[in-house]
Amino acid sequence: KEMTLCALSNVDLSYSTSESCLHKEFSNFGHVAEVRLVKDEATKRSKGYAFIQYTSQDNALQAIENMDQKHFDGRVIHVELAKLGKNVYGGYPKTSGPPKEQNLPRQDEANE
């Protein structure tokens, strides 16, 4: 099943915004598989951004189109497709598109 991450990249997301509030708003654009509000590990306070995972890339793109630069919970938010690397948000996986092939030696090469 195709899963696509949609990131609320604005570090100005209201600190009172909850995952359930985000889920409710963003499910207007399709089935939301998961909402992760990023929190500071020490204070448990929101860092002001979140990841919303849709089961369909079309839904994610629709959410971006409709929610980017919009007022949400008292702030203007910025929404984009998540571009995550290693060690970002606990190594949360990139989920758009098929997995890239690993350059592992084939079985016949490994035995040489």
PDB file of N, CA and C in Angstrom:
ATOM      1  N   LYS A   1       0.841  -1.191   0.000  1.00  0.00           N
ATOM      2  CA  LYS A   1       0.000   0.000   0.000  1.00  0.00           C
ATOM      3  C   LYS A   1       0.880   1.246   0.000  1.00  0.00           C
ATOM      4  N   GLU A   2       0.525   2.190  -0.823  1.00  0.00           N
ATOM      5  CA  GLU A   2       1.301   3.436  -0.933  1.00  0.00           C
ATOM      6  C   GLU A   2       0.987   4.352   0.241  1.00  0.00           C
ATOM      7  N   MET A   3       2.032   4.807   0.921  1.00  0.00           N
ATOM      8  CA  MET A   3       1.854   5.749   2.026  1.00  0.00           C
ATOM      9  C   MET A   3       2.677   6.984   1.711  1.00  0.00           C
ATOM     10  N   THR A   4       2.117   8.150   1.943  1.00  0.00           N
ATOM     11  CA  THR A   4       2.823   9.384   1.673  1.00  0.00           C
ATOM     12  C   THR A   4       2.791  10.283   2.896  1.00  0.00           C
ATOM     13  N   LEU A   5       3.938  10.843   3.215  1.00  0.00           N
ATOM     14  CA  LEU A   5       4.013  11.779   4.335  1.00  0.00           C
ATOM     15  C   LEU A   5       3.797  13.192   3.845  1.00  0.00           C
ATOM     16  N   CYS A   6       3.000  13.906   4.563  1.00  0.00           N
ATOM     17  CA  CYS A   6       2.750  15.306   4.308  1.00  0.00           C
ATOM     18  C   CYS A   6       3.260  16.022   5.545  1.00  0.00           C
ATOM     19  N   ALA A   7       4.158  16.950   5.398  1.00  0.00           N
ATOM     20  CA  ALA A   7       4.748  17.592   6.577  1.00  0.00           C
ATOM     21  C   ALA A   7       4.175  18.974   6.793  1.00  0.00           C
ATOM     22  N   LEU A   8       3.841  19.253   8.036  1.00  0.00           N
ATOM     23  CA  LEU A   8       3.548  20.625   8.430  1.00  0.00           C
ATOM     24  C   LEU A   8       4.890  21.165   8.870  1.00  0.00           C
ATOM     25  N   SER A   9       5.545  21.860   7.978  1.00  0.00           N
ATOM     26  CA  SER A   9       6.937  22.224   8.231  1.00  0.00           C
ATOM     27  C   SER A   9       7.081  23.506   9.025  1.00  0.00           C
ATOM     28  N   ASN A  10       5.970  24.215   9.205  1.00  0.00           N
ATOM     29  CA  ASN A  10       6.066  25.498   9.883  1.00  0.00           C
ATOM     30  C   ASN A  10       6.415  25.301  11.351  1.00  0.00           C
ATOM     31  N   VAL A  11       7.509  25.879  11.804  1.00  0.00           N
ATOM     32  CA  VAL A  11       7.874  25.754  13.212  1.00  0.00           C
ATOM     33  C   VAL A  11       7.091  26.764  14.042  1.00  0.00           C
ATOM     34  N   ASP A  12       6.041  27.291  13.444  1.00  0.00           N
ATOM     35  CA  ASP A  12       5.197  28.264  14.136  1.00  0.00           C
ATOM     36  C   ASP A  12       3.791  27.709  14.368  1.00  0.00           C
ATOM     37  N   LEU A  13       3.649  26.381  14.275  1.00  0.00           N
ATOM     38  CA  LEU A  13       2.366  25.754  14.571  1.00  0.00           C
ATOM     39  C   LEU A  13       2.037  26.072  16.025  1.00  0.00           C
ATOM     40  N   SER A  14       0.810  26.399  16.289  1.00  0.00           N
ATOM     41  CA  SER A  14       0.421  26.760  17.654  1.00  0.00           C
ATOM     42  C   SER A  14       0.775  25.640  18.629  1.00  0.00           C
ATOM     43  N   TYR A  15       1.328  26.015  19.786  1.00  0.00           N
ATOM     44  CA  TYR A  15       1.719  25.005  20.776  1.00  0.00           C
ATOM     45  C   TYR A  15       0.521  24.309  21.383  1.00  0.00           C
ATOM     46  N   SER A  16      -0.669  24.897  21.204  1.00  0.00           N
ATOM     47  CA  SER A  16      -1.880  24.266  21.732  1.00  0.00           C
ATOM     48  C   SER A  16      -2.494  23.278  20.743  1.00  0.00           C
ATOM     49  N   THR A  17      -1.969  23.229  19.509  1.00  0.00           N
ATOM     50  CA  THR A  17      -2.501  22.323  18.499  1.00  0.00           C
ATOM     51  C   THR A  17      -2.250  20.875  18.917  1.00  0.00           C
ATOM     52  N   SER A  18      -3.282  20.052  18.840  1.00  0.00           N
ATOM     53  CA  SER A  18      -3.164  18.646  19.231  1.00  0.00           C
ATOM     54  C   SER A  18      -3.176  17.749  17.995  1.00  0.00           C
ATOM     55  N   GLU A  19      -2.718  16.506  18.188  1.00  0.00           N
ATOM     56  CA  GLU A  19      -2.744  15.536  17.088  1.00  0.00           C
ATOM     57  C   GLU A  19      -4.178  15.274  16.637  1.00  0.00           C
ATOM     58  N   SER A  20      -5.116  15.225  17.579  1.00  0.00           N
ATOM     59  CA  SER A  20      -6.512  14.963  17.197  1.00  0.00           C
ATOM     60  C   SER A  20      -7.097  16.125  16.398  1.00  0.00           C
ATOM     61  N   CYS A  21      -6.683  17.339  16.740  1.00  0.00           N
ATOM     62  CA  CYS A  21      -7.119  18.526  16.005  1.00  0.00           C
ATOM     63  C   CYS A  21      -6.582  18.480  14.559  1.00  0.00           C
ATOM     64  N   LEU A  22      -5.321  18.117  14.417  1.00  0.00           N
ATOM     65  CA  LEU A  22      -4.710  17.991  13.084  1.00  0.00           C
ATOM     66  C   LEU A  22      -5.380  16.869  12.294  1.00  0.00           C
ATOM     67  N   HIS A  23      -5.623  15.743  12.953  1.00  0.00           N
ATOM     68  CA  HIS A  23      -6.250  14.594  12.292  1.00  0.00           C
ATOM     69  C   HIS A  23      -7.622  14.983  11.751  1.00  0.00           C
ATOM     70  N   LYS A  24      -8.396  15.672  12.577  1.00  0.00           N
ATOM     71  CA  LYS A  24      -9.740  16.085  12.174  1.00  0.00           C
ATOM     72  C   LYS A  24      -9.687  17.002  10.950  1.00  0.00           C
ATOM     73  N   GLU A  25      -8.801  17.992  10.992  1.00  0.00           N
ATOM     74  CA  GLU A  25      -8.701  18.960   9.894  1.00  0.00           C
ATOM     75  C   GLU A  25      -8.192  18.314   8.611  1.00  0.00           C
ATOM     76  N   PHE A  26      -7.143  17.492   8.718  1.00  0.00           N
ATOM     77  CA  PHE A  26      -6.506  16.948   7.519  1.00  0.00           C
ATOM     78  C   PHE A  26      -7.220  15.729   6.956  1.00  0.00           C
ATOM     79  N   SER A  27      -8.132  15.123   7.713  1.00  0.00           N
ATOM     80  CA  SER A  27      -8.886  14.000   7.153  1.00  0.00           C
ATOM     81  C   SER A  27      -9.959  14.493   6.181  1.00  0.00           C
ATOM     82  N   ASN A  28     -10.119  15.816   6.067  1.00  0.00           N
ATOM     83  CA  ASN A  28     -11.001  16.372   5.033  1.00  0.00           C
ATOM     84  C   ASN A  28     -10.488  16.069   3.631  1.00  0.00           C
ATOM     85  N   PHE A  29      -9.211  15.686   3.519  1.00  0.00           N
ATOM     86  CA  PHE A  29      -8.605  15.488   2.196  1.00  0.00           C
ATOM     87  C   PHE A  29      -8.346  14.022   1.885  1.00  0.00           C
ATOM     88  N   GLY A  30      -8.769  13.128   2.769  1.00  0.00           N
ATOM     89  CA  GLY A  30      -8.583  11.698   2.525  1.00  0.00           C
ATOM     90  C   GLY A  30      -8.252  10.970   3.810  1.00  0.00           C
ATOM     91  N   HIS A  31      -8.016   9.673   3.683  1.00  0.00           N
ATOM     92  CA  HIS A  31      -7.759   8.838   4.857  1.00  0.00           C
ATOM     93  C   HIS A  31      -6.378   9.126   5.443  1.00  0.00           C
ATOM     94  N   VAL A  32      -6.357   9.588   6.682  1.00  0.00           N
ATOM     95  CA  VAL A  32      -5.114   9.868   7.390  1.00  0.00           C
ATOM     96  C   VAL A  32      -4.712   8.610   8.150  1.00  0.00           C
ATOM     97  N   ALA A  33      -3.532   8.077   7.835  1.00  0.00           N
ATOM     98  CA  ALA A  33      -3.053   6.867   8.504  1.00  0.00           C
ATOM     99  C   ALA A  33      -2.464   7.199   9.871  1.00  0.00           C
ATOM    100  N   GLU A  34      -1.782   8.346   9.958  1.00  0.00           N
ATOM    101  CA  GLU A  34      -1.116   8.687  11.210  1.00  0.00           C
ATOM    102  C   GLU A  34      -0.806  10.175  11.269  1.00  0.00           C
ATOM    103  N   VAL A  35      -0.873  10.721  12.471  1.00  0.00           N
ATOM    104  CA  VAL A  35      -0.471  12.102  12.730  1.00  0.00           C
ATOM    105  C   VAL A  35       0.580  12.062  13.823  1.00  0.00           C
ATOM    106  N   ARG A  36       1.721  12.691  13.571  1.00  0.00           N
ATOM    107  CA  ARG A  36       2.778  12.761  14.587  1.00  0.00           C
ATOM    108  C   ARG A  36       3.138  14.213  14.825  1.00  0.00           C
ATOM    109  N   LEU A  37       2.788  14.701  15.981  1.00  0.00           N
ATOM    110  CA  LEU A  37       3.175  16.039  16.391  1.00  0.00           C
ATOM    111  C   LEU A  37       4.553  15.890  17.024  1.00  0.00           C
ATOM    112  N   VAL A  38       5.532  16.605  16.523  1.00  0.00           N
ATOM    113  CA  VAL A  38       6.904  16.464  17.021  1.00  0.00           C
ATOM    114  C   VAL A  38       7.049  17.245  18.320  1.00  0.00           C
ATOM    115  N   LYS A  39       7.521  16.546  19.358  1.00  0.00           N
ATOM    116  CA  LYS A  39       7.652  17.161  20.678  1.00  0.00           C
ATOM    117  C   LYS A  39       9.090  17.108  21.171  1.00  0.00           C
ATOM    118  N   ASP A  40       9.435  18.077  21.965  1.00  0.00           N
ATOM    119  CA  ASP A  40      10.742  18.096  22.611  1.00  0.00           C
ATOM    120  C   ASP A  40      10.782  16.953  23.621  1.00  0.00           C
ATOM    121  N   GLU A  41      11.836  16.130  23.568  1.00  0.00           N
ATOM    122  CA  GLU A  41      11.906  14.965  24.454  1.00  0.00           C
ATOM    123  C   GLU A  41      11.967  15.360  25.923  1.00  0.00           C
ATOM    124  N   ALA A  42      12.672  16.436  26.227  1.00  0.00           N
ATOM    125  CA  ALA A  42      12.834  16.844  27.631  1.00  0.00           C
ATOM    126  C   ALA A  42      11.574  17.488  28.203  1.00  0.00           C
ATOM    127  N   THR A  43      11.006  18.440  27.460  1.00  0.00           N
ATOM    128  CA  THR A  43       9.869  19.203  28.000  1.00  0.00           C
ATOM    129  C   THR A  43       8.516  18.616  27.604  1.00  0.00           C
ATOM    130  N   LYS A  44       8.503  17.714  26.614  1.00  0.00           N
ATOM    131  CA  LYS A  44       7.266  17.125  26.065  1.00  0.00           C
ATOM    132  C   LYS A  44       6.378  18.186  25.424  1.00  0.00           C
ATOM    133  N   ARG A  45       6.953  19.349  25.143  1.00  0.00           N
ATOM    134  CA  ARG A  45       6.203  20.439  24.517  1.00  0.00           C
ATOM    135  C   ARG A  45       6.356  20.349  22.993  1.00  0.00           C
ATOM    136  N   SER A  46       5.319  20.702  22.283  1.00  0.00           N
ATOM    137  CA  SER A  46       5.345  20.668  20.827  1.00  0.00           C
ATOM    138  C   SER A  46       6.484  21.528  20.293  1.00  0.00           C
ATOM    139  N   LYS A  47       7.162  21.028  19.258  1.00  0.00           N
ATOM    140  CA  LYS A  47       8.204  21.821  18.604  1.00  0.00           C
ATOM    141  C   LYS A  47       7.609  22.704  17.510  1.00  0.00           C
ATOM    142  N   GLY A  48       6.297  22.598  17.303  1.00  0.00           N
ATOM    143  CA  GLY A  48       5.619  23.471  16.352  1.00  0.00           C
ATOM    144  C   GLY A  48       5.528  22.914  14.945  1.00  0.00           C
ATOM    145  N   TYR A  49       5.802  21.605  14.785  1.00  0.00           N
ATOM    146  CA  TYR A  49       5.583  21.007  13.471  1.00  0.00           C
ATOM    147  C   TYR A  49       5.135  19.567  13.620  1.00  0.00           C
ATOM    148  N   ALA A  50       4.595  19.030  12.523  1.00  0.00           N
ATOM    149  CA  ALA A  50       3.990  17.707  12.582  1.00  0.00           C
ATOM    150  C   ALA A  50       4.141  16.991  11.248  1.00  0.00           C
ATOM    151  N   PHE A  51       3.930  15.678  11.289  1.00  0.00           N
ATOM    152  CA  PHE A  51       3.899  14.856  10.084  1.00  0.00           C
ATOM    153  C   PHE A  51       2.531  14.190  10.018  1.00  0.00           C
ATOM    154  N   ILE A  52       1.932  14.263   8.841  1.00  0.00           N
ATOM    155  CA  ILE A  52       0.628  13.646   8.628  1.00  0.00           C
ATOM    156  C   ILE A  52       0.799  12.637   7.512  1.00  0.00           C
ATOM    157  N   GLN A  53       0.484  11.386   7.803  1.00  0.00           N
ATOM    158  CA  GLN A  53       0.671  10.335   6.810  1.00  0.00           C
ATOM    159  C   GLN A  53      -0.666   9.933   6.215  1.00  0.00           C
ATOM    160  N   TYR A  54      -0.742  10.013   4.887  1.00  0.00           N
ATOM    161  CA  TYR A  54      -1.936   9.614   4.151  1.00  0.00           C
ATOM    162  C   TYR A  54      -1.697   8.267   3.504  1.00  0.00           C
ATOM    163  N   THR A  55      -2.788   7.537   3.246  1.00  0.00           N
ATOM    164  CA  THR A  55      -2.670   6.261   2.545  1.00  0.00           C
ATOM    165  C   THR A  55      -2.551   6.477   1.035  1.00  0.00           C
ATOM    166  N   SER A  56      -2.796   7.684   0.574  1.00  0.00           N
ATOM    167  CA  SER A  56      -2.727   7.983  -0.853  1.00  0.00           C
ATOM    168  C   SER A  56      -1.950   9.283  -1.088  1.00  0.00           C
ATOM    169  N   GLN A  57      -1.047   9.250  -2.055  1.00  0.00           N
ATOM    170  CA  GLN A  57      -0.283  10.449  -2.375  1.00  0.00           C
ATOM    171  C   GLN A  57      -1.201  11.553  -2.894  1.00  0.00           C
ATOM    172  N   ASP A  58      -2.254  11.175  -3.611  1.00  0.00           N
ATOM    173  CA  ASP A  58      -3.200  12.175  -4.122  1.00  0.00           C
ATOM    174  C   ASP A  58      -3.839  12.957  -2.977  1.00  0.00           C
ATOM    175  N   ASN A  59      -4.173  12.245  -1.896  1.00  0.00           N
ATOM    176  CA  ASN A  59      -4.759  12.911  -0.732  1.00  0.00           C
ATOM    177  C   ASN A  59      -3.766  13.872  -0.105  1.00  0.00           C
ATOM    178  N   ALA A  60      -2.508  13.448  -0.008  1.00  0.00           N
ATOM    179  CA  ALA A  60      -1.467  14.305   0.558  1.00  0.00           C
ATOM    180  C   ALA A  60      -1.293  15.557  -0.289  1.00  0.00           C
ATOM    181  N   LEU A  61      -1.278  15.390  -1.599  1.00  0.00           N
ATOM    182  CA  LEU A  61      -1.108  16.536  -2.496  1.00  0.00           C
ATOM    183  C   LEU A  61      -2.308  17.481  -2.399  1.00  0.00           C
ATOM    184  N   GLN A  62      -3.493  16.916  -2.238  1.00  0.00           N
ATOM    185  CA  GLN A  62      -4.699  17.732  -2.079  1.00  0.00           C
ATOM    186  C   GLN A  62      -4.630  18.531  -0.773  1.00  0.00           C
ATOM    187  N   ALA A  63      -4.142  17.899   0.290  1.00  0.00           N
ATOM    188  CA  ALA A  63      -4.006  18.586   1.576  1.00  0.00           C
ATOM    189  C   ALA A  63      -3.010  19.742   1.464  1.00  0.00           C
ATOM    190  N   ILE A  64      -1.900  19.492   0.770  1.00  0.00           N
ATOM    191  CA  ILE A  64      -0.890  20.534   0.583  1.00  0.00           C
ATOM    192  C   ILE A  64      -1.492  21.704  -0.181  1.00  0.00           C
ATOM    193  N   GLU A  65      -2.172  21.381  -1.268  1.00  0.00           N
ATOM    194  CA  GLU A  65      -2.791  22.405  -2.120  1.00  0.00           C
ATOM    195  C   GLU A  65      -3.793  23.259  -1.336  1.00  0.00           C
ATOM    196  N   ASN A  66      -4.556  22.613  -0.462  1.00  0.00           N
ATOM    197  CA  ASN A  66      -5.620  23.310   0.253  1.00  0.00           C
ATOM    198  C   ASN A  66      -5.189  23.961   1.562  1.00  0.00           C
ATOM    199  N   MET A  67      -4.138  23.453   2.192  1.00  0.00           N
ATOM    200  CA  MET A  67      -3.777  23.925   3.535  1.00  0.00           C
ATOM    201  C   MET A  67      -2.519  24.790   3.587  1.00  0.00           C
ATOM    202  N   ASP A  68      -1.667  24.733   2.557  1.00  0.00           N
ATOM    203  CA  ASP A  68      -0.442  25.531   2.589  1.00  0.00           C
ATOM    204  C   ASP A  68      -0.772  27.020   2.603  1.00  0.00           C
ATOM    205  N   GLN A  69      -0.107  27.768   3.472  1.00  0.00           N
ATOM    206  CA  GLN A  69      -0.288  29.219   3.622  1.00  0.00           C
ATOM    207  C   GLN A  69      -1.662  29.602   4.177  1.00  0.00           C
ATOM    208  N   LYS A  70      -2.340  28.647   4.806  1.00  0.00           N
ATOM    209  CA  LYS A  70      -3.663  28.932   5.361  1.00  0.00           C
ATOM    210  C   LYS A  70      -3.564  29.184   6.864  1.00  0.00           C
ATOM    211  N   HIS A  71      -4.557  29.885   7.393  1.00  0.00           N
ATOM    212  CA  HIS A  71      -4.640  30.099   8.844  1.00  0.00           C
ATOM    213  C   HIS A  71      -5.186  28.827   9.470  1.00  0.00           C
ATOM    214  N   PHE A  72      -4.484  28.319  10.469  1.00  0.00           N
ATOM    215  CA  PHE A  72      -4.920  27.135  11.191  1.00  0.00           C
ATOM    216  C   PHE A  72      -4.573  27.310  12.659  1.00  0.00           C
ATOM    217  N   ASP A  73      -5.562  27.233  13.509  1.00  0.00           N
ATOM    218  CA  ASP A  73      -5.356  27.343  14.951  1.00  0.00           C
ATOM    219  C   ASP A  73      -4.615  28.636  15.317  1.00  0.00           C
ATOM    220  N   GLY A  74      -4.976  29.726  14.621  1.00  0.00           N
ATOM    221  CA  GLY A  74      -4.406  31.032  14.939  1.00  0.00           C
ATOM    222  C   GLY A  74      -3.075  31.360  14.295  1.00  0.00           C
ATOM    223  N   ARG A  75      -2.557  30.464  13.468  1.00  0.00           N
ATOM    224  CA  ARG A  75      -1.258  30.699  12.811  1.00  0.00           C
ATOM    225  C   ARG A  75      -1.377  30.411  11.313  1.00  0.00           C
ATOM    226  N   VAL A  76      -0.471  31.003  10.524  1.00  0.00           N
ATOM    227  CA  VAL A  76      -0.373  30.648   9.109  1.00  0.00           C
ATOM    228  C   VAL A  76       0.562  29.443   9.043  1.00  0.00           C
ATOM    229  N   ILE A  77       0.080  28.355   8.447  1.00  0.00           N
ATOM    230  CA  ILE A  77       0.897  27.140   8.396  1.00  0.00           C
ATOM    231  C   ILE A  77       1.478  26.934   6.997  1.00  0.00           C
ATOM    232  N   HIS A  78       2.576  26.194   6.943  1.00  0.00           N
ATOM    233  CA  HIS A  78       3.222  25.818   5.684  1.00  0.00           C
ATOM    234  C   HIS A  78       3.181  24.304   5.602  1.00  0.00           C
ATOM    235  N   VAL A  79       2.652  23.802   4.503  1.00  0.00           N
ATOM    236  CA  VAL A  79       2.494  22.362   4.340  1.00  0.00           C
ATOM    237  C   VAL A  79       3.224  21.934   3.080  1.00  0.00           C
ATOM    238  N   GLU A  80       4.005  20.867   3.183  1.00  0.00           N
ATOM    239  CA  GLU A  80       4.750  20.355   2.026  1.00  0.00           C
ATOM    240  C   GLU A  80       4.936  18.858   2.184  1.00  0.00           C
ATOM    241  N   LEU A  81       5.369  18.212   1.084  1.00  0.00           N
ATOM    242  CA  LEU A  81       5.699  16.795   1.193  1.00  0.00           C
ATOM    243  C   LEU A  81       6.925  16.662   2.070  1.00  0.00           C
ATOM    244  N   ALA A  82       6.916  15.690   2.943  1.00  0.00           N
ATOM    245  CA  ALA A  82       8.035  15.502   3.861  1.00  0.00           C
ATOM    246  C   ALA A  82       9.267  15.035   3.096  1.00  0.00           C
ATOM    247  N   LYS A  83      10.394  15.671   3.399  1.00  0.00           N
ATOM    248  CA  LYS A  83      11.689  15.250   2.850  1.00  0.00           C
ATOM    249  C   LYS A  83      12.556  14.949   4.055  1.00  0.00           C
ATOM    250  N   LEU A  84      12.569  13.693   4.450  1.00  0.00           N
ATOM    251  CA  LEU A  84      13.268  13.342   5.670  1.00  0.00           C
ATOM    252  C   LEU A  84      14.529  12.557   5.368  1.00  0.00           C
ATOM    253  N   GLY A  85      15.566  12.875   6.093  1.00  0.00           N
ATOM    254  CA  GLY A  85      16.804  12.123   5.966  1.00  0.00           C
ATOM    255  C   GLY A  85      17.017  11.286   7.199  1.00  0.00           C
ATOM    256  N   LYS A  86      18.167  10.674   7.296  1.00  0.00           N
ATOM    257  CA  LYS A  86      18.504   9.873   8.474  1.00  0.00           C
ATOM    258  C   LYS A  86      18.565  10.766   9.700  1.00  0.00           C
ATOM    259  N   ASN A  87      18.169  10.210  10.820  1.00  0.00           N
ATOM    260  CA  ASN A  87      18.208  10.879  12.123  1.00  0.00           C
ATOM    261  C   ASN A  87      17.288  12.091  12.221  1.00  0.00           C
ATOM    262  N   VAL A  88      16.387  12.263  11.263  1.00  0.00           N
ATOM    263  CA  VAL A  88      15.399  13.320  11.375  1.00  0.00           C
ATOM    264  C   VAL A  88      14.150  12.671  11.937  1.00  0.00           C
ATOM    265  N   TYR A  89      13.633  13.247  12.995  1.00  0.00           N
ATOM    266  CA  TYR A  89      12.427  12.731  13.612  1.00  0.00           C
ATOM    267  C   TYR A  89      12.574  11.239  13.909  1.00  0.00           C
ATOM    268  N   GLY A  90      13.682  10.896  14.555  1.00  0.00           N
ATOM    269  CA  GLY A  90      13.883   9.513  14.971  1.00  0.00           C
ATOM    270  C   GLY A  90      14.003   8.536  13.817  1.00  0.00           C
ATOM    271  N   GLY A  91      14.497   9.013  12.670  1.00  0.00           N
ATOM    272  CA  GLY A  91      14.671   8.122  11.525  1.00  0.00           C
ATOM    273  C   GLY A  91      13.357   7.688  10.903  1.00  0.00           C
ATOM    274  N   TYR A  92      12.345   8.527  10.990  1.00  0.00           N
ATOM    275  CA  TYR A  92      11.050   8.206  10.379  1.00  0.00           C
ATOM    276  C   TYR A  92      11.266   7.921   8.898  1.00  0.00           C
ATOM    277  N   PRO A  93      10.742   6.845   8.372  1.00  0.00           N
ATOM    278  CA  PRO A  93      11.074   6.444   6.996  1.00  0.00           C
ATOM    279  C   PRO A  93      10.478   7.358   5.935  1.00  0.00           C
ATOM    280  N   LYS A  94      11.211   7.481   4.835  1.00  0.00           N
ATOM    281  CA  LYS A  94      10.644   8.135   3.660  1.00  0.00           C
ATOM    282  C   LYS A  94       9.622   7.161   3.106  1.00  0.00           C
ATOM    283  N   THR A  95       8.461   7.653   2.711  1.00  0.00           N
ATOM    284  CA  THR A  95       7.436   6.708   2.282  1.00  0.00           C
ATOM    285  C   THR A  95       6.828   7.030   0.926  1.00  0.00           C
ATOM    286  N   SER A  96       7.428   7.941   0.172  1.00  0.00           N
ATOM    287  CA  SER A  96       6.842   8.192  -1.141  1.00  0.00           C
ATOM    288  C   SER A  96       7.663   7.453  -2.190  1.00  0.00           C
ATOM    289  N   GLY A  97       6.986   6.599  -2.925  1.00  0.00           N
ATOM    290  CA  GLY A  97       7.650   5.849  -3.990  1.00  0.00           C
ATOM    291  C   GLY A  97       8.185   4.517  -3.497  1.00  0.00           C
ATOM    292  N   PRO A  98       8.629   3.687  -4.444  1.00  0.00           N
ATOM    293  CA  PRO A  98       9.145   2.363  -4.084  1.00  0.00           C
ATOM    294  C   PRO A  98      10.498   2.484  -3.393  1.00  0.00           C
ATOM    295  N   PRO A  99      10.881   1.476  -2.617  1.00  0.00           N
ATOM    296  CA  PRO A  99      12.193   1.544  -1.964  1.00  0.00           C
ATOM    297  C   PRO A  99      13.314   1.517  -2.991  1.00  0.00           C
ATOM    298  N   LYS A 100      14.372   2.241  -2.694  1.00  0.00           N
ATOM    299  CA  LYS A 100      15.523   2.246  -3.600  1.00  0.00           C
ATOM    300  C   LYS A 100      16.297   0.948  -3.415  1.00  0.00           C
ATOM    301  N   GLU A 101      16.880   0.467  -4.515  1.00  0.00           N
ATOM    302  CA  GLU A 101      17.655  -0.773  -4.428  1.00  0.00           C
ATOM    303  C   GLU A 101      18.926  -0.536  -3.637  1.00  0.00           C
ATOM    304  N   GLN A 102      19.262  -1.480  -2.795  1.00  0.00           N
ATOM    305  CA  GLN A 102      20.493  -1.408  -2.016  1.00  0.00           C
ATOM    306  C   GLN A 102      21.628  -1.961  -2.876  1.00  0.00           C
ATOM    307  N   ASN A 103      22.806  -1.402  -2.755  1.00  0.00           N
ATOM    308  CA  ASN A 103      23.958  -1.908  -3.489  1.00  0.00           C
ATOM    309  C   ASN A 103      24.657  -2.994  -2.673  1.00  0.00           C
ATOM    310  N   LEU A 104      23.954  -4.084  -2.459  1.00  0.00           N
ATOM    311  CA  LEU A 104      24.518  -5.205  -1.727  1.00  0.00           C
ATOM    312  C   LEU A 104      25.096  -6.193  -2.734  1.00  0.00           C
ATOM    313  N   PRO A 105      26.188  -6.868  -2.377  1.00  0.00           N
ATOM    314  CA  PRO A 105      26.738  -7.845  -3.326  1.00  0.00           C
ATOM    315  C   PRO A 105      25.735  -8.969  -3.555  1.00  0.00           C
ATOM    316  N   ARG A 106      25.638  -9.405  -4.806  1.00  0.00           N
ATOM    317  CA  ARG A 106      24.759 -10.534  -5.105  1.00  0.00           C
ATOM    318  C   ARG A 106      25.377 -11.797  -4.516  1.00  0.00           C
ATOM    319  N   GLN A 107      24.578 -12.820  -4.361  1.00  0.00           N
ATOM    320  CA  GLN A 107      25.040 -14.043  -3.712  1.00  0.00           C
ATOM    321  C   GLN A 107      26.275 -14.624  -4.397  1.00  0.00           C
ATOM    322  N   ASP A 108      26.295 -14.633  -5.759  1.00  0.00           N
ATOM    323  CA  ASP A 108      27.441 -15.204  -6.468  1.00  0.00           C
ATOM    324  C   ASP A 108      28.713 -14.364  -6.283  1.00  0.00           C
ATOM    325  N   GLU A 109      28.543 -13.030  -6.133  1.00  0.00           N
ATOM    326  CA  GLU A 109      29.725 -12.164  -5.916  1.00  0.00           C
ATOM    327  C   GLU A 109      30.247 -12.322  -4.500  1.00  0.00           C
ATOM    328  N   ALA A 110      29.367 -12.543  -3.552  1.00  0.00           N
ATOM    329  CA  ALA A 110      29.770 -12.623  -2.133  1.00  0.00           C
ATOM    330  C   ALA A 110      30.623 -13.858  -1.858  1.00  0.00           C
ATOM    331  N   ASN A 111      30.504 -14.878  -2.698  1.00  0.00           N
ATOM    332  CA  ASN A 111      31.233 -16.126  -2.456  1.00  0.00           C
ATOM    333  C   ASN A 111      32.611 -16.152  -3.104  1.00  0.00           C
ATOM    334  N   GLU A 112      33.011 -15.108  -3.783  1.00  0.00           N
ATOM    335  CA  GLU A 112      34.305 -15.120  -4.483  1.00  0.00           C
ATOM    336  C   GLU A 112      35.463 -14.963  -3.535  1.00  0.00           C
TER     337      GLU A 112
END
